[in-house]
Amino acid sequence: MNRDLLVLFNQELLSPQAIEHEVEMLHELLFIVERLDNLVTAHEILDLNKYKVINKALTLRTTIHKQELKPFVFLNCKN
């Protein structure tokens, strides 16, 4: 995936190769964390219209793929 990251390093302490390695490791970490299975595990849906907390994997997957949520329906991180 091609993305823009703003990474701040103290250039006096790290060589350009070390900085490149750190950025590459950060890309790998974000790739793992942003997988849909991991997002479904770490989130829940708060539906204030029905006063429900939804943890079903299929419902979470469809909700994450939606461009826009209904009013008072929130995607909440469990962390």
C-alpha atoms as a PDB file:
ATOM      1  CA  MET A   1       0.000   0.000   0.000  1.00  0.00           C
ATOM      2  CA  ASN A   2       1.248   3.453  -0.829  1.00  0.00           C
ATOM      3  CA  ARG A   3       0.682   5.950   1.969  1.00  0.00           C
ATOM      4  CA  ASP A   4       2.132   9.157   3.291  1.00  0.00           C
ATOM      5  CA  LEU A   5       3.516   9.016   6.806  1.00  0.00           C
ATOM      6  CA  LEU A   6       4.986  11.761   8.897  1.00  0.00           C
ATOM      7  CA  VAL A   7       7.714  10.177  10.998  1.00  0.00           C
ATOM      8  CA  LEU A   8       9.900  12.287  13.237  1.00  0.00           C
ATOM      9  CA  PHE A   9      13.383  11.007  14.054  1.00  0.00           C
ATOM     10  CA  ASN A  10      16.476  12.509  15.538  1.00  0.00           C
ATOM     11  CA  GLN A  11      18.724  12.290  12.479  1.00  0.00           C
ATOM     12  CA  GLU A  12      21.860  12.596  14.579  1.00  0.00           C
ATOM     13  CA  LEU A  13      21.144   9.253  16.266  1.00  0.00           C
ATOM     14  CA  LEU A  14      20.025   7.228  13.229  1.00  0.00           C
ATOM     15  CA  SER A  15      21.629   6.632   9.873  1.00  0.00           C
ATOM     16  CA  PRO A  16      19.527   6.929   6.684  1.00  0.00           C
ATOM     17  CA  GLN A  17      19.456   3.118   6.426  1.00  0.00           C
ATOM     18  CA  ALA A  18      18.203   2.836  10.012  1.00  0.00           C
ATOM     19  CA  ILE A  19      15.477   5.405   9.342  1.00  0.00           C
ATOM     20  CA  GLU A  20      14.416   3.532   6.192  1.00  0.00           C
ATOM     21  CA  HIS A  21      14.296   0.292   8.192  1.00  0.00           C
ATOM     22  CA  GLU A  22      12.137   1.899  10.898  1.00  0.00           C
ATOM     23  CA  VAL A  23       9.688   3.245   8.297  1.00  0.00           C
ATOM     24  CA  GLU A  24       9.506  -0.165   6.617  1.00  0.00           C
ATOM     25  CA  MET A  25       8.762  -1.838   9.955  1.00  0.00           C
ATOM     26  CA  LEU A  26       6.072   0.777  10.626  1.00  0.00           C
ATOM     27  CA  HIS A  27       4.442  -0.034   7.264  1.00  0.00           C
ATOM     28  CA  GLU A  28       4.438  -3.745   8.128  1.00  0.00           C
ATOM     29  CA  LEU A  29       2.927  -3.064  11.549  1.00  0.00           C
ATOM     30  CA  LEU A  30       0.160  -0.873  10.101  1.00  0.00           C
ATOM     31  CA  PHE A  31      -0.586  -3.462   7.414  1.00  0.00           C
ATOM     32  CA  ILE A  32      -1.194  -6.093  10.108  1.00  0.00           C
ATOM     33  CA  VAL A  33      -3.192  -3.813  12.405  1.00  0.00           C
ATOM     34  CA  GLU A  34      -5.429  -2.469   9.633  1.00  0.00           C
ATOM     35  CA  ARG A  35      -6.548  -5.900   8.400  1.00  0.00           C
ATOM     36  CA  LEU A  36     -10.326  -6.245   8.479  1.00  0.00           C
ATOM     37  CA  ASP A  37     -10.231  -9.232  10.854  1.00  0.00           C
ATOM     38  CA  ASN A  38      -8.237  -7.231  13.381  1.00  0.00           C
ATOM     39  CA  LEU A  39     -10.514  -4.200  13.035  1.00  0.00           C
ATOM     40  CA  VAL A  40     -13.575  -6.388  13.648  1.00  0.00           C
ATOM     41  CA  THR A  41     -11.944  -7.863  16.748  1.00  0.00           C
ATOM     42  CA  ALA A  42     -11.030  -4.459  18.191  1.00  0.00           C
ATOM     43  CA  HIS A  43     -14.293  -2.584  17.511  1.00  0.00           C
ATOM     44  CA  GLU A  44     -17.964  -2.672  18.404  1.00  0.00           C
ATOM     45  CA  ILE A  45     -21.013  -0.789  17.164  1.00  0.00           C
ATOM     46  CA  LEU A  46     -22.886   1.524  19.497  1.00  0.00           C
ATOM     47  CA  ASP A  47     -26.423   2.005  18.194  1.00  0.00           C
ATOM     48  CA  LEU A  48     -28.003   4.735  20.275  1.00  0.00           C
ATOM     49  CA  ASN A  49     -31.218   4.579  18.237  1.00  0.00           C
ATOM     50  CA  LYS A  50     -31.899   1.046  19.520  1.00  0.00           C
ATOM     51  CA  TYR A  51     -29.777   1.298  22.683  1.00  0.00           C
ATOM     52  CA  LYS A  52     -27.662  -1.686  21.609  1.00  0.00           C
ATOM     53  CA  VAL A  53     -24.019  -2.657  21.548  1.00  0.00           C
ATOM     54  CA  ILE A  54     -23.339  -4.940  18.588  1.00  0.00           C
ATOM     55  CA  ASN A  55     -20.343  -7.281  18.521  1.00  0.00           C
ATOM     56  CA  LYS A  56     -21.366  -9.595  15.653  1.00  0.00           C
ATOM     57  CA  ALA A  57     -18.527 -10.021  13.160  1.00  0.00           C
ATOM     58  CA  LEU A  58     -20.701  -9.940  10.034  1.00  0.00           C
ATOM     59  CA  THR A  59     -22.510  -6.770  11.120  1.00  0.00           C
ATOM     60  CA  LEU A  60     -19.203  -5.110  11.985  1.00  0.00           C
ATOM     61  CA  ARG A  61     -17.745  -6.002   8.579  1.00  0.00           C
ATOM     62  CA  THR A  62     -20.679  -4.480   6.715  1.00  0.00           C
ATOM     63  CA  THR A  63     -20.628  -1.382   8.909  1.00  0.00           C
ATOM     64  CA  ILE A  64     -16.891  -0.812   8.402  1.00  0.00           C
ATOM     65  CA  HIS A  65     -17.362  -0.992   4.613  1.00  0.00           C
ATOM     66  CA  LYS A  66     -20.120   1.639   4.617  1.00  0.00           C
ATOM     67  CA  GLN A  67     -19.147   5.128   3.519  1.00  0.00           C
ATOM     68  CA  GLU A  68     -21.481   6.802   5.981  1.00  0.00           C
ATOM     69  CA  LEU A  69     -23.193   5.602   9.148  1.00  0.00           C
ATOM     70  CA  LYS A  70     -26.736   6.384  10.242  1.00  0.00           C
ATOM     71  CA  PRO A  71     -27.160   9.164  12.791  1.00  0.00           C
ATOM     72  CA  PHE A  72     -26.312   8.077  16.343  1.00  0.00           C
ATOM     73  CA  VAL A  73     -24.628   4.857  15.218  1.00  0.00           C
ATOM     74  CA  PHE A  74     -20.958   4.824  16.168  1.00  0.00           C
ATOM     75  CA  LEU A  75     -18.012   2.555  15.549  1.00  0.00           C
ATOM     76  CA  ASN A  76     -16.297   2.302  18.932  1.00  0.00           C
ATOM     77  CA  CYS A  77     -12.793   1.003  19.624  1.00  0.00           C
ATOM     78  CA  LYS A  78     -12.789  -1.402  22.580  1.00  0.00           C
ATOM     79  CA  ASN A  79      -9.323  -0.301  23.635  1.00  0.00           C
END
